[in-house]
Amino acid sequence: MSTELKKFVVWGSYCENVLEKRAPFRQAHLDNLKALYESGKLLTIGPTQDVTKVFAVYAAPDLDSAKQLVEADPYWQNGIWTDYEVHEWLQVY
């Protein structure tokens, strides 16, 4: 099995009233993101300006592993992110 990491683009949606509902889970979410970033499994992440969508680029060996990274996040586990799509990304630049 190859240990080379592929890149995966993730688009997801936030729940209604996200700014209030995320509060109890925000620090755990940020801690998780920091650990993923420092380990090279997360390249970038952030919300759209209106906080309705989230965009991320994860590095993982395969699609299932990328989905596991999303689903392990406290925001997914607590319904702050309500859905997501993952697409393997071929970075040109």
PDB file of N, CA and C in Angstrom:
ATOM      1  N   MET A   1       0.847  -1.191   0.000  1.00  0.00           N
ATOM      2  CA  MET A   1       0.000   0.000   0.000  1.00  0.00           C
ATOM      3  C   MET A   1       0.891   1.252   0.000  1.00  0.00           C
ATOM      4  N   SER A   2       0.572   2.180  -0.845  1.00  0.00           N
ATOM      5  CA  SER A   2       1.342   3.418  -0.941  1.00  0.00           C
ATOM      6  C   SER A   2       1.087   4.295   0.280  1.00  0.00           C
ATOM      7  N   THR A   3       2.154   4.914   0.766  1.00  0.00           N
ATOM      8  CA  THR A   3       2.006   5.837   1.889  1.00  0.00           C
ATOM      9  C   THR A   3       1.942   7.283   1.402  1.00  0.00           C
ATOM     10  N   GLU A   4       1.958   7.467   0.076  1.00  0.00           N
ATOM     11  CA  GLU A   4       1.867   8.809  -0.487  1.00  0.00           C
ATOM     12  C   GLU A   4       0.487   9.398  -0.185  1.00  0.00           C
ATOM     13  N   LEU A   5       0.488  10.643   0.275  1.00  0.00           N
ATOM     14  CA  LEU A   5      -0.769  11.296   0.592  1.00  0.00           C
ATOM     15  C   LEU A   5      -1.299  12.029  -0.625  1.00  0.00           C
ATOM     16  N   LYS A   6      -2.581  11.858  -0.870  1.00  0.00           N
ATOM     17  CA  LYS A   6      -3.290  12.579  -1.925  1.00  0.00           C
ATOM     18  C   LYS A   6      -3.978  13.773  -1.277  1.00  0.00           C
ATOM     19  N   LYS A   7      -4.394  14.715  -2.091  1.00  0.00           N
ATOM     20  CA  LYS A   7      -5.097  15.887  -1.565  1.00  0.00           C
ATOM     21  C   LYS A   7      -6.580  15.776  -1.879  1.00  0.00           C
ATOM     22  N   PHE A   8      -7.376  16.188  -0.910  1.00  0.00           N
ATOM     23  CA  PHE A   8      -8.829  16.113  -1.031  1.00  0.00           C
ATOM     24  C   PHE A   8      -9.450  17.452  -0.661  1.00  0.00           C
ATOM     25  N   VAL A   9     -10.270  17.970  -1.581  1.00  0.00           N
ATOM     26  CA  VAL A   9     -11.014  19.199  -1.339  1.00  0.00           C
ATOM     27  C   VAL A   9     -12.328  18.825  -0.666  1.00  0.00           C
ATOM     28  N   VAL A  10     -12.657  19.562   0.386  1.00  0.00           N
ATOM     29  CA  VAL A  10     -13.910  19.332   1.110  1.00  0.00           C
ATOM     30  C   VAL A  10     -14.712  20.622   1.119  1.00  0.00           C
ATOM     31  N   TRP A  11     -15.978  20.516   0.721  1.00  0.00           N
ATOM     32  CA  TRP A  11     -16.958  21.591   0.887  1.00  0.00           C
ATOM     33  C   TRP A  11     -18.034  21.066   1.802  1.00  0.00           C
ATOM     34  N   GLY A  12     -18.390  21.829   2.822  1.00  0.00           N
ATOM     35  CA  GLY A  12     -19.433  21.415   3.740  1.00  0.00           C
ATOM     36  C   GLY A  12     -20.339  22.572   4.084  1.00  0.00           C
ATOM     37  N   SER A  13     -21.415  22.254   4.779  1.00  0.00           N
ATOM     38  CA  SER A  13     -22.400  23.254   5.201  1.00  0.00           C
ATOM     39  C   SER A  13     -22.451  23.328   6.711  1.00  0.00           C
ATOM     40  N   TYR A  14     -22.722  24.533   7.193  1.00  0.00           N
ATOM     41  CA  TYR A  14     -22.927  24.757   8.627  1.00  0.00           C
ATOM     42  C   TYR A  14     -24.411  24.710   8.961  1.00  0.00           C
ATOM     43  N   CYS A  15     -24.708  24.405  10.207  1.00  0.00           N
ATOM     44  CA  CYS A  15     -26.077  24.416  10.710  1.00  0.00           C
ATOM     45  C   CYS A  15     -26.593  25.857  10.806  1.00  0.00           C
ATOM     46  N   GLU A  16     -27.883  25.996  11.019  1.00  0.00           N
ATOM     47  CA  GLU A  16     -28.474  27.305  11.295  1.00  0.00           C
ATOM     48  C   GLU A  16     -27.953  27.802  12.642  1.00  0.00           C
ATOM     49  N   ASN A  17     -27.843  29.104  12.786  1.00  0.00           N
ATOM     50  CA  ASN A  17     -27.379  29.716  14.043  1.00  0.00           C
ATOM     51  C   ASN A  17     -26.025  29.163  14.489  1.00  0.00           C
ATOM     52  N   VAL A  18     -25.139  28.986  13.517  1.00  0.00           N
ATOM     53  CA  VAL A  18     -23.848  28.344  13.783  1.00  0.00           C
ATOM     54  C   VAL A  18     -23.036  29.088  14.842  1.00  0.00           C
ATOM     55  N   LEU A  19     -23.050  30.405  14.828  1.00  0.00           N
ATOM     56  CA  LEU A  19     -22.199  31.144  15.757  1.00  0.00           C
ATOM     57  C   LEU A  19     -22.558  30.856  17.212  1.00  0.00           C
ATOM     58  N   GLU A  20     -23.829  30.651  17.491  1.00  0.00           N
ATOM     59  CA  GLU A  20     -24.250  30.299  18.849  1.00  0.00           C
ATOM     60  C   GLU A  20     -24.045  28.812  19.133  1.00  0.00           C
ATOM     61  N   LYS A  21     -24.437  27.977  18.178  1.00  0.00           N
ATOM     62  CA  LYS A  21     -24.413  26.527  18.407  1.00  0.00           C
ATOM     63  C   LYS A  21     -23.002  25.944  18.486  1.00  0.00           C
ATOM     64  N   ARG A  22     -22.037  26.585  17.834  1.00  0.00           N
ATOM     65  CA  ARG A  22     -20.683  26.031  17.833  1.00  0.00           C
ATOM     66  C   ARG A  22     -19.933  26.275  19.133  1.00  0.00           C
ATOM     67  N   ALA A  23     -20.380  27.225  19.929  1.00  0.00           N
ATOM     68  CA  ALA A  23     -19.618  27.680  21.101  1.00  0.00           C
ATOM     69  C   ALA A  23     -19.118  26.540  21.998  1.00  0.00           C
ATOM     70  N   PRO A  24     -19.969  25.568  22.383  1.00  0.00           N
ATOM     71  CA  PRO A  24     -19.476  24.523  23.295  1.00  0.00           C
ATOM     72  C   PRO A  24     -18.404  23.610  22.683  1.00  0.00           C
ATOM     73  N   PHE A  25     -18.315  23.593  21.357  1.00  0.00           N
ATOM     74  CA  PHE A  25     -17.425  22.652  20.669  1.00  0.00           C
ATOM     75  C   PHE A  25     -16.249  23.347  20.002  1.00  0.00           C
ATOM     76  N   ARG A  26     -16.215  24.674  20.053  1.00  0.00           N
ATOM     77  CA  ARG A  26     -15.238  25.439  19.272  1.00  0.00           C
ATOM     78  C   ARG A  26     -13.791  25.140  19.659  1.00  0.00           C
ATOM     79  N   GLN A  27     -13.482  25.104  20.953  1.00  0.00           N
ATOM     80  CA  GLN A  27     -12.090  24.873  21.348  1.00  0.00           C
ATOM     81  C   GLN A  27     -11.628  23.476  20.957  1.00  0.00           C
ATOM     82  N   ALA A  28     -12.462  22.471  21.139  1.00  0.00           N
ATOM     83  CA  ALA A  28     -12.092  21.106  20.731  1.00  0.00           C
ATOM     84  C   ALA A  28     -11.897  21.040  19.211  1.00  0.00           C
ATOM     85  N   HIS A  29     -12.746  21.743  18.478  1.00  0.00           N
ATOM     86  CA  HIS A  29     -12.624  21.815  17.016  1.00  0.00           C
ATOM     87  C   HIS A  29     -11.291  22.446  16.622  1.00  0.00           C
ATOM     88  N   LEU A  30     -10.970  23.583  17.215  1.00  0.00           N
ATOM     89  CA  LEU A  30      -9.725  24.282  16.892  1.00  0.00           C
ATOM     90  C   LEU A  30      -8.498  23.461  17.282  1.00  0.00           C
ATOM     91  N   ASP A  31      -8.567  22.785  18.417  1.00  0.00           N
ATOM     92  CA  ASP A  31      -7.454  21.925  18.845  1.00  0.00           C
ATOM     93  C   ASP A  31      -7.245  20.781  17.851  1.00  0.00           C
ATOM     94  N   ASN A  32      -8.344  20.193  17.386  1.00  0.00           N
ATOM     95  CA  ASN A  32      -8.271  19.110  16.399  1.00  0.00           C
ATOM     96  C   ASN A  32      -7.645  19.618  15.103  1.00  0.00           C
ATOM     97  N   LEU A  33      -8.097  20.781  14.639  1.00  0.00           N
ATOM     98  CA  LEU A  33      -7.555  21.339  13.400  1.00  0.00           C
ATOM     99  C   LEU A  33      -6.069  21.632  13.528  1.00  0.00           C
ATOM    100  N   LYS A  34      -5.656  22.172  14.659  1.00  0.00           N
ATOM    101  CA  LYS A  34      -4.244  22.484  14.875  1.00  0.00           C
ATOM    102  C   LYS A  34      -3.400  21.211  14.809  1.00  0.00           C
ATOM    103  N   ALA A  35      -3.869  20.149  15.453  1.00  0.00           N
ATOM    104  CA  ALA A  35      -3.133  18.877  15.437  1.00  0.00           C
ATOM    105  C   ALA A  35      -3.046  18.312  14.014  1.00  0.00           C
ATOM    106  N   LEU A  36      -4.149  18.389  13.265  1.00  0.00           N
ATOM    107  CA  LEU A  36      -4.136  17.896  11.888  1.00  0.00           C
ATOM    108  C   LEU A  36      -3.199  18.729  11.017  1.00  0.00           C
ATOM    109  N   TYR A  37      -3.225  20.033  11.213  1.00  0.00           N
ATOM    110  CA  TYR A  37      -2.360  20.926  10.432  1.00  0.00           C
ATOM    111  C   TYR A  37      -0.888  20.637  10.736  1.00  0.00           C
ATOM    112  N   GLU A  38      -0.580  20.529  12.008  1.00  0.00           N
ATOM    113  CA  GLU A  38       0.807  20.291  12.402  1.00  0.00           C
ATOM    114  C   GLU A  38       1.321  18.934  11.932  1.00  0.00           C
ATOM    115  N   SER A  39       0.426  17.962  11.767  1.00  0.00           N
ATOM    116  CA  SER A  39       0.834  16.635  11.301  1.00  0.00           C
ATOM    117  C   SER A  39       0.841  16.528   9.774  1.00  0.00           C
ATOM    118  N   GLY A  40       0.433  17.598   9.086  1.00  0.00           N
ATOM    119  CA  GLY A  40       0.417  17.590   7.633  1.00  0.00           C
ATOM    120  C   GLY A  40      -0.829  16.988   7.016  1.00  0.00           C
ATOM    121  N   LYS A  41      -1.831  16.674   7.827  1.00  0.00           N
ATOM    122  CA  LYS A  41      -3.063  16.074   7.306  1.00  0.00           C
ATOM    123  C   LYS A  41      -4.107  17.111   6.895  1.00  0.00           C
ATOM    124  N   LEU A  42      -3.884  18.357   7.287  1.00  0.00           N
ATOM    125  CA  LEU A  42      -4.783  19.457   6.928  1.00  0.00           C
ATOM    126  C   LEU A  42      -3.930  20.566   6.334  1.00  0.00           C
ATOM    127  N   LEU A  43      -4.236  20.955   5.112  1.00  0.00           N
ATOM    128  CA  LEU A  43      -3.457  22.000   4.446  1.00  0.00           C
ATOM    129  C   LEU A  43      -4.078  23.378   4.644  1.00  0.00           C
ATOM    130  N   THR A  44      -5.398  23.452   4.623  1.00  0.00           N
ATOM    131  CA  THR A  44      -6.094  24.712   4.856  1.00  0.00           C
ATOM    132  C   THR A  44      -7.551  24.420   5.186  1.00  0.00           C
ATOM    133  N   ILE A  45      -8.172  25.348   5.921  1.00  0.00           N
ATOM    134  CA  ILE A  45      -9.596  25.222   6.233  1.00  0.00           C
ATOM    135  C   ILE A  45     -10.120  26.583   6.650  1.00  0.00           C
ATOM    136  N   GLY A  46     -11.387  26.808   6.387  1.00  0.00           N
ATOM    137  CA  GLY A  46     -12.016  28.038   6.838  1.00  0.00           C
ATOM    138  C   GLY A  46     -13.435  28.153   6.316  1.00  0.00           C
ATOM    139  N   PRO A  47     -14.205  29.035   6.953  1.00  0.00           N
ATOM    140  CA  PRO A  47     -15.583  29.249   6.529  1.00  0.00           C
ATOM    141  C   PRO A  47     -15.662  30.293   5.417  1.00  0.00           C
ATOM    142  N   THR A  48     -16.755  30.266   4.679  1.00  0.00           N
ATOM    143  CA  THR A  48     -17.053  31.372   3.790  1.00  0.00           C
ATOM    144  C   THR A  48     -17.391  32.584   4.658  1.00  0.00           C
ATOM    145  N   GLN A  49     -17.314  33.756   4.083  1.00  0.00           N
ATOM    146  CA  GLN A  49     -17.508  34.991   4.843  1.00  0.00           C
ATOM    147  C   GLN A  49     -18.860  35.005   5.554  1.00  0.00           C
ATOM    148  N   ASP A  50     -19.878  34.431   4.934  1.00  0.00           N
ATOM    149  CA  ASP A  50     -21.213  34.416   5.553  1.00  0.00           C
ATOM    150  C   ASP A  50     -21.434  33.232   6.501  1.00  0.00           C
ATOM    151  N   VAL A  51     -20.414  32.442   6.728  1.00  0.00           N
ATOM    152  CA  VAL A  51     -20.430  31.291   7.641  1.00  0.00           C
ATOM    153  C   VAL A  51     -21.583  30.327   7.328  1.00  0.00           C
ATOM    154  N   THR A  52     -21.770  30.053   6.031  1.00  0.00           N
ATOM    155  CA  THR A  52     -22.740  29.028   5.640  1.00  0.00           C
ATOM    156  C   THR A  52     -22.040  27.786   5.108  1.00  0.00           C
ATOM    157  N   LYS A  53     -20.808  27.946   4.622  1.00  0.00           N
ATOM    158  CA  LYS A  53     -20.053  26.829   4.049  1.00  0.00           C
ATOM    159  C   LYS A  53     -18.662  26.789   4.661  1.00  0.00           C
ATOM    160  N   VAL A  54     -18.085  25.600   4.674  1.00  0.00           N
ATOM    161  CA  VAL A  54     -16.696  25.418   5.082  1.00  0.00           C
ATOM    162  C   VAL A  54     -15.944  24.821   3.906  1.00  0.00           C
ATOM    163  N   PHE A  55     -14.709  25.264   3.722  1.00  0.00           N
ATOM    164  CA  PHE A  55     -13.826  24.760   2.671  1.00  0.00           C
ATOM    165  C   PHE A  55     -12.557  24.259   3.330  1.00  0.00           C
ATOM    166  N   ALA A  56     -12.070  23.111   2.890  1.00  0.00           N
ATOM    167  CA  ALA A  56     -10.833  22.570   3.447  1.00  0.00           C
ATOM    168  C   ALA A  56     -10.095  21.769   2.383  1.00  0.00           C
ATOM    169  N   VAL A  57      -8.800  21.629   2.600  1.00  0.00           N
ATOM    170  CA  VAL A  57      -7.998  20.699   1.814  1.00  0.00           C
ATOM    171  C   VAL A  57      -7.259  19.808   2.806  1.00  0.00           C
ATOM    172  N   TYR A  58      -7.576  18.519   2.745  1.00  0.00           N
ATOM    173  CA  TYR A  58      -6.947  17.523   3.600  1.00  0.00           C
ATOM    174  C   TYR A  58      -5.947  16.709   2.779  1.00  0.00           C
ATOM    175  N   ALA A  59      -4.971  16.127   3.449  1.00  0.00           N
ATOM    176  CA  ALA A  59      -4.028  15.196   2.832  1.00  0.00           C
ATOM    177  C   ALA A  59      -4.236  13.836   3.489  1.00  0.00           C
ATOM    178  N   ALA A  60      -4.493  12.845   2.672  1.00  0.00           N
ATOM    179  CA  ALA A  60      -4.795  11.502   3.178  1.00  0.00           C
ATOM    180  C   ALA A  60      -4.428  10.478   2.111  1.00  0.00           C
ATOM    181  N   PRO A  61      -4.240   9.227   2.514  1.00  0.00           N
ATOM    182  CA  PRO A  61      -3.862   8.205   1.527  1.00  0.00           C
ATOM    183  C   PRO A  61      -4.986   7.844   0.559  1.00  0.00           C
ATOM    184  N   ASP A  62      -6.260   8.032   0.971  1.00  0.00           N
ATOM    185  CA  ASP A  62      -7.381   7.638   0.125  1.00  0.00           C
ATOM    186  C   ASP A  62      -8.645   8.371   0.578  1.00  0.00           C
ATOM    187  N   LEU A  63      -9.702   8.220  -0.206  1.00  0.00           N
ATOM    188  CA  LEU A  63     -10.970   8.913   0.045  1.00  0.00           C
ATOM    189  C   LEU A  63     -11.555   8.559   1.408  1.00  0.00           C
ATOM    190  N   ASP A  64     -11.556   7.295   1.761  1.00  0.00           N
ATOM    191  CA  ASP A  64     -12.122   6.894   3.055  1.00  0.00           C
ATOM    192  C   ASP A  64     -11.373   7.537   4.215  1.00  0.00           C
ATOM    193  N   SER A  65     -10.062   7.617   4.097  1.00  0.00           N
ATOM    194  CA  SER A  65      -9.266   8.255   5.155  1.00  0.00           C
ATOM    195  C   SER A  65      -9.593   9.745   5.259  1.00  0.00           C
ATOM    196  N   ALA A  66      -9.785  10.401   4.126  1.00  0.00           N
ATOM    197  CA  ALA A  66     -10.159  11.816   4.142  1.00  0.00           C
ATOM    198  C   ALA A  66     -11.511  12.006   4.830  1.00  0.00           C
ATOM    199  N   LYS A  67     -12.472  11.139   4.510  1.00  0.00           N
ATOM    200  CA  LYS A  67     -13.786  11.220   5.153  1.00  0.00           C
ATOM    201  C   LYS A  67     -13.669  10.995   6.656  1.00  0.00           C
ATOM    202  N   GLN A  68     -12.801  10.098   7.072  1.00  0.00           N
ATOM    203  CA  GLN A  68     -12.611   9.849   8.508  1.00  0.00           C
ATOM    204  C   GLN A  68     -12.077  11.085   9.212  1.00  0.00           C
ATOM    205  N   LEU A  69     -11.205  11.851   8.553  1.00  0.00           N
ATOM    206  CA  LEU A  69     -10.692  13.081   9.153  1.00  0.00           C
ATOM    207  C   LEU A  69     -11.817  14.091   9.361  1.00  0.00           C
ATOM    208  N   VAL A  70     -12.699  14.222   8.379  1.00  0.00           N
ATOM    209  CA  VAL A  70     -13.844  15.134   8.509  1.00  0.00           C
ATOM    210  C   VAL A  70     -14.763  14.661   9.637  1.00  0.00           C
ATOM    211  N   GLU A  71     -15.095  13.392   9.630  1.00  0.00           N
ATOM    212  CA  GLU A  71     -16.084  12.862  10.571  1.00  0.00           C
ATOM    213  C   GLU A  71     -15.562  12.749  11.999  1.00  0.00           C
ATOM    214  N   ALA A  72     -14.249  12.839  12.185  1.00  0.00           N
ATOM    215  CA  ALA A  72     -13.679  12.830  13.536  1.00  0.00           C
ATOM    216  C   ALA A  72     -13.717  14.220  14.176  1.00  0.00           C
ATOM    217  N   ASP A  73     -14.034  15.239  13.392  1.00  0.00           N
ATOM    218  CA  ASP A  73     -14.047  16.605  13.907  1.00  0.00           C
ATOM    219  C   ASP A  73     -15.242  16.825  14.834  1.00  0.00           C
ATOM    220  N   PRO A  74     -15.034  17.517  15.945  1.00  0.00           N
ATOM    221  CA  PRO A  74     -16.154  17.810  16.859  1.00  0.00           C
ATOM    222  C   PRO A  74     -17.313  18.545  16.184  1.00  0.00           C
ATOM    223  N   TYR A  75     -17.041  19.345  15.171  1.00  0.00           N
ATOM    224  CA  TYR A  75     -18.143  20.039  14.484  1.00  0.00           C
ATOM    225  C   TYR A  75     -19.031  19.049  13.728  1.00  0.00           C
ATOM    226  N   TRP A  76     -18.446  18.034  13.134  1.00  0.00           N
ATOM    227  CA  TRP A  76     -19.262  17.018  12.450  1.00  0.00           C
ATOM    228  C   TRP A  76     -20.015  16.187  13.485  1.00  0.00           C
ATOM    229  N   GLN A  77     -19.319  15.761  14.508  1.00  0.00           N
ATOM    230  CA  GLN A  77     -19.915  14.872  15.510  1.00  0.00           C
ATOM    231  C   GLN A  77     -21.053  15.529  16.284  1.00  0.00           C
ATOM    232  N   ASN A  78     -21.063  16.853  16.334  1.00  0.00           N
ATOM    233  CA  ASN A  78     -22.089  17.564  17.102  1.00  0.00           C
ATOM    234  C   ASN A  78     -23.054  18.367  16.232  1.00  0.00           C
ATOM    235  N   GLY A  79     -23.083  18.082  14.939  1.00  0.00           N
ATOM    236  CA  GLY A  79     -24.076  18.674  14.051  1.00  0.00           C
ATOM    237  C   GLY A  79     -23.835  20.123  13.652  1.00  0.00           C
ATOM    238  N   ILE A  80     -22.636  20.640  13.884  1.00  0.00           N
ATOM    239  CA  ILE A  80     -22.317  21.999  13.456  1.00  0.00           C
ATOM    240  C   ILE A  80     -22.088  22.001  11.939  1.00  0.00           C
ATOM    241  N   TRP A  81     -21.353  21.011  11.446  1.00  0.00           N
ATOM    242  CA  TRP A  81     -21.303  20.756  10.008  1.00  0.00           C
ATOM    243  C   TRP A  81     -22.426  19.772   9.717  1.00  0.00           C
ATOM    244  N   THR A  82     -23.271  20.090   8.752  1.00  0.00           N
ATOM    245  CA  THR A  82     -24.457  19.270   8.510  1.00  0.00           C
ATOM    246  C   THR A  82     -24.329  18.344   7.310  1.00  0.00           C
ATOM    247  N   ASP A  83     -23.431  18.652   6.396  1.00  0.00           N
ATOM    248  CA  ASP A  83     -23.163  17.771   5.263  1.00  0.00           C
ATOM    249  C   ASP A  83     -21.824  18.169   4.673  1.00  0.00           C
ATOM    250  N   TYR A  84     -21.287  17.299   3.844  1.00  0.00           N
ATOM    251  CA  TYR A  84     -20.024  17.628   3.185  1.00  0.00           C
ATOM    252  C   TYR A  84     -19.846  16.780   1.939  1.00  0.00           C
ATOM    253  N   GLU A  85     -19.001  17.281   1.036  1.00  0.00           N
ATOM    254  CA  GLU A  85     -18.571  16.562  -0.160  1.00  0.00           C
ATOM    255  C   GLU A  85     -17.047  16.503  -0.132  1.00  0.00           C
ATOM    256  N   VAL A  86     -16.502  15.410  -0.604  1.00  0.00           N
ATOM    257  CA  VAL A  86     -15.048  15.264  -0.707  1.00  0.00           C
ATOM    258  C   VAL A  86     -14.716  14.888  -2.147  1.00  0.00           C
ATOM    259  N   HIS A  87     -13.719  15.585  -2.694  1.00  0.00           N
ATOM    260  CA  HIS A  87     -13.260  15.288  -4.051  1.00  0.00           C
ATOM    261  C   HIS A  87     -11.743  15.240  -4.046  1.00  0.00           C
ATOM    262  N   GLU A  88     -11.194  14.184  -4.659  1.00  0.00           N
ATOM    263  CA  GLU A  88      -9.733  14.163  -4.788  1.00  0.00           C
ATOM    264  C   GLU A  88      -9.316  15.310  -5.694  1.00  0.00           C
ATOM    265  N   TRP A  89      -8.241  15.989  -5.289  1.00  0.00           N
ATOM    266  CA  TRP A  89      -7.799  17.192  -5.970  1.00  0.00           C
ATOM    267  C   TRP A  89      -6.415  16.969  -6.547  1.00  0.00           C
ATOM    268  N   LEU A  90      -6.244  17.322  -7.805  1.00  0.00           N
ATOM    269  CA  LEU A  90      -4.954  17.232  -8.468  1.00  0.00           C
ATOM    270  C   LEU A  90      -4.392  18.649  -8.542  1.00  0.00           C
ATOM    271  N   GLN A  91      -3.499  18.962  -7.635  1.00  0.00           N
ATOM    272  CA  GLN A  91      -2.941  20.309  -7.555  1.00  0.00           C
ATOM    273  C   GLN A  91      -1.969  20.554  -8.704  1.00  0.00           C
ATOM    274  N   VAL A  92      -2.203  21.608  -9.454  1.00  0.00           N
ATOM    275  CA  VAL A  92      -1.314  21.987 -10.546  1.00  0.00           C
ATOM    276  C   VAL A  92      -0.294  23.009 -10.032  1.00  0.00           C
ATOM    277  N   TYR A  93      -0.775  24.031  -9.364  1.00  0.00           N
ATOM    278  CA  TYR A  93       0.097  25.044  -8.749  1.00  0.00           C
ATOM    279  C   TYR A  93      -0.254  25.204  -7.296  1.00  0.00           C
TER     280      TYR A  93
END
